[in-house]
Amino acid sequence: MARLQILELPEVERADGTHETPFALVLDQTVPERVVLAPGTGKVLDRWEEFAGRMGARAVIVTPETVDIPANDVPLDAEGKPIRWPIEPDFTGFREQVQQEVHAAQQELAQTLGARKLPSKPVPRDPQ
């Protein structure tokens, strides 16, 4: 049975400074599906290439062989079940950071509007 996998390619930096992680689709245990569009013209439609293009992939690899991509492996426990790692967010200092950012934005707005100067320190609020 055919398998669809994603192969991440090296990250690239765009001209505007943003980063992108391009990828290729890997379809193994299957064969290419090509359709001749017009006999005698050599024009061929590759269904997998069309699919990959619509998904935003840079390339597609189609092979009847089995391809294992180590990055796609899911580690299993002794019972053969996927290992799950709990992810717990750390909100230490989050409230203070948000208050500082709000205060900085208020200062910038006040300066822009020529309003009176706001206090130099954020005013603490009572937790509700």
Protein backbone atom coordinates (compact mmCIF):
# COMPACT_ATOMS: atom_id res chain seq x y z
CA MET A 1 0.00 0.00 0.00
CA ALA A 2 1.32 3.43 -0.93
CA ARG A 3 2.66 5.66 1.83
CA LEU A 4 2.88 9.46 1.84
CA GLN A 5 5.72 11.05 3.82
CA ILE A 6 7.12 14.53 4.17
CA LEU A 7 10.82 15.21 3.75
CA GLU A 8 11.84 18.60 5.14
CA LEU A 9 14.47 20.36 3.06
CA PRO A 10 17.03 22.87 4.42
CA GLU A 11 15.52 26.13 5.65
CA VAL A 12 15.85 29.10 3.29
CA GLU A 13 15.82 32.81 4.02
CA ARG A 14 13.69 34.96 1.75
CA ALA A 15 14.66 38.41 0.53
CA ASP A 16 12.32 40.02 3.08
CA GLY A 17 14.13 38.30 5.98
CA THR A 18 11.49 35.67 6.69
CA HIS A 19 12.38 31.99 6.75
CA GLU A 20 10.73 29.06 5.03
CA THR A 21 11.13 25.32 5.48
CA PRO A 22 10.53 23.83 2.05
CA PHE A 23 9.56 20.19 1.77
CA ALA A 24 9.27 17.35 -0.68
CA LEU A 25 6.60 14.68 -0.75
CA VAL A 26 7.81 11.09 -0.77
CA LEU A 27 5.39 8.47 -2.07
CA ASP A 28 6.81 5.01 -1.70
CA GLN A 29 5.46 1.55 -2.45
CA THR A 30 3.68 2.92 -5.52
CA VAL A 31 4.41 3.83 -9.12
CA PRO A 32 4.26 7.15 -10.98
CA GLU A 33 0.91 7.95 -12.57
CA ARG A 34 1.36 9.72 -15.86
CA VAL A 35 -1.33 10.55 -18.39
CA VAL A 36 -0.57 11.42 -22.00
CA LEU A 37 -2.37 14.70 -22.72
CA ALA A 38 -2.04 14.71 -26.49
CA PRO A 39 -0.68 11.70 -28.37
CA GLY A 40 2.40 12.50 -30.42
CA THR A 41 3.11 15.79 -28.63
CA GLY A 42 5.09 14.41 -25.74
CA LYS A 43 2.91 16.33 -23.28
CA VAL A 44 2.41 14.28 -20.15
CA LEU A 45 0.58 15.05 -16.91
CA ASP A 46 2.12 13.52 -13.81
CA ARG A 47 -0.65 13.26 -11.22
CA TRP A 48 1.75 13.08 -8.27
CA GLU A 49 3.67 16.17 -9.44
CA GLU A 50 0.40 18.05 -9.81
CA PHE A 51 -0.68 16.94 -6.33
CA ALA A 52 2.68 17.96 -4.80
CA GLY A 53 2.48 21.36 -6.47
CA ARG A 54 -0.99 21.97 -5.07
CA MET A 55 0.30 21.05 -1.59
CA GLY A 56 3.18 23.54 -1.86
CA ALA A 57 5.90 20.90 -2.10
CA ARG A 58 9.11 21.73 -3.93
CA ALA A 59 9.39 18.21 -5.34
CA VAL A 60 7.88 14.75 -5.27
CA ILE A 61 9.64 11.40 -5.16
CA VAL A 62 7.59 8.43 -6.33
CA THR A 63 9.12 4.97 -6.09
CA PRO A 64 7.97 1.36 -5.80
CA GLU A 65 10.70 0.85 -3.18
CA THR A 66 10.25 1.44 0.57
CA VAL A 67 11.80 4.68 1.79
CA ASP A 68 12.21 5.31 5.50
CA ILE A 69 12.74 8.91 6.61
CA PRO A 70 14.23 8.84 10.14
CA ALA A 71 12.73 12.23 11.05
CA ASN A 72 9.26 10.74 10.53
CA ASP A 73 9.81 7.81 12.89
CA VAL A 74 7.59 7.76 15.97
CA PRO A 75 9.33 6.35 19.05
CA LEU A 76 7.40 3.50 20.70
CA ASP A 77 7.32 2.33 24.30
CA ALA A 78 7.75 -1.29 25.45
CA GLU A 79 4.09 -2.02 24.60
CA GLY A 80 4.46 -0.68 21.06
CA LYS A 81 2.44 2.48 21.74
CA PRO A 82 3.69 5.94 20.69
CA ILE A 83 5.60 7.76 23.43
CA ARG A 84 3.94 11.01 24.44
CA TRP A 85 5.82 13.84 26.10
CA PRO A 86 3.77 16.30 28.14
CA ILE A 87 4.41 19.92 27.22
CA GLU A 88 3.77 22.40 29.97
CA PRO A 89 4.01 26.12 29.23
CA ASP A 90 6.08 28.37 31.48
CA PHE A 91 4.22 31.62 32.14
CA THR A 92 6.75 32.91 34.69
CA GLY A 93 6.88 36.66 34.28
CA PHE A 94 4.34 36.64 31.47
CA ARG A 95 1.99 39.12 33.14
CA GLU A 96 4.85 41.56 33.85
CA GLN A 97 6.14 41.25 30.30
CA VAL A 98 2.70 42.01 28.87
CA GLN A 99 2.30 45.00 31.19
CA GLN A 100 5.71 46.34 30.14
CA GLU A 101 4.82 45.99 26.47
CA VAL A 102 1.46 47.70 27.00
CA HIS A 103 3.17 50.51 28.89
CA ALA A 104 5.76 50.94 26.12
CA ALA A 105 2.97 51.11 23.53
CA GLN A 106 1.12 53.69 25.64
CA GLN A 107 4.29 55.78 25.93
CA GLU A 108 4.82 55.66 22.17
CA LEU A 109 1.19 56.58 21.54
CA ALA A 110 1.36 59.46 24.01
CA GLN A 111 4.49 60.82 22.34
CA THR A 112 2.96 60.45 18.91
CA LEU A 113 -0.20 62.26 19.91
CA GLY A 114 1.66 64.90 21.90
CA ALA A 115 -0.29 63.92 24.98
CA ARG A 116 0.91 64.30 28.55
CA LYS A 117 3.75 62.07 29.72
CA LEU A 118 2.65 58.81 31.31
CA PRO A 119 4.25 57.54 34.54
CA SER A 120 7.73 56.14 33.98
CA LYS A 121 6.85 52.82 35.59
CA PRO A 122 3.88 50.61 34.80
CA VAL A 123 1.10 51.01 37.32
CA PRO A 124 0.47 47.61 38.95
CA ARG A 125 -3.08 46.38 38.79
CA ASP A 126 -4.86 44.28 41.36
CA PRO A 127 -5.21 40.68 40.18
CA GLN A 128 -8.85 39.83 39.62
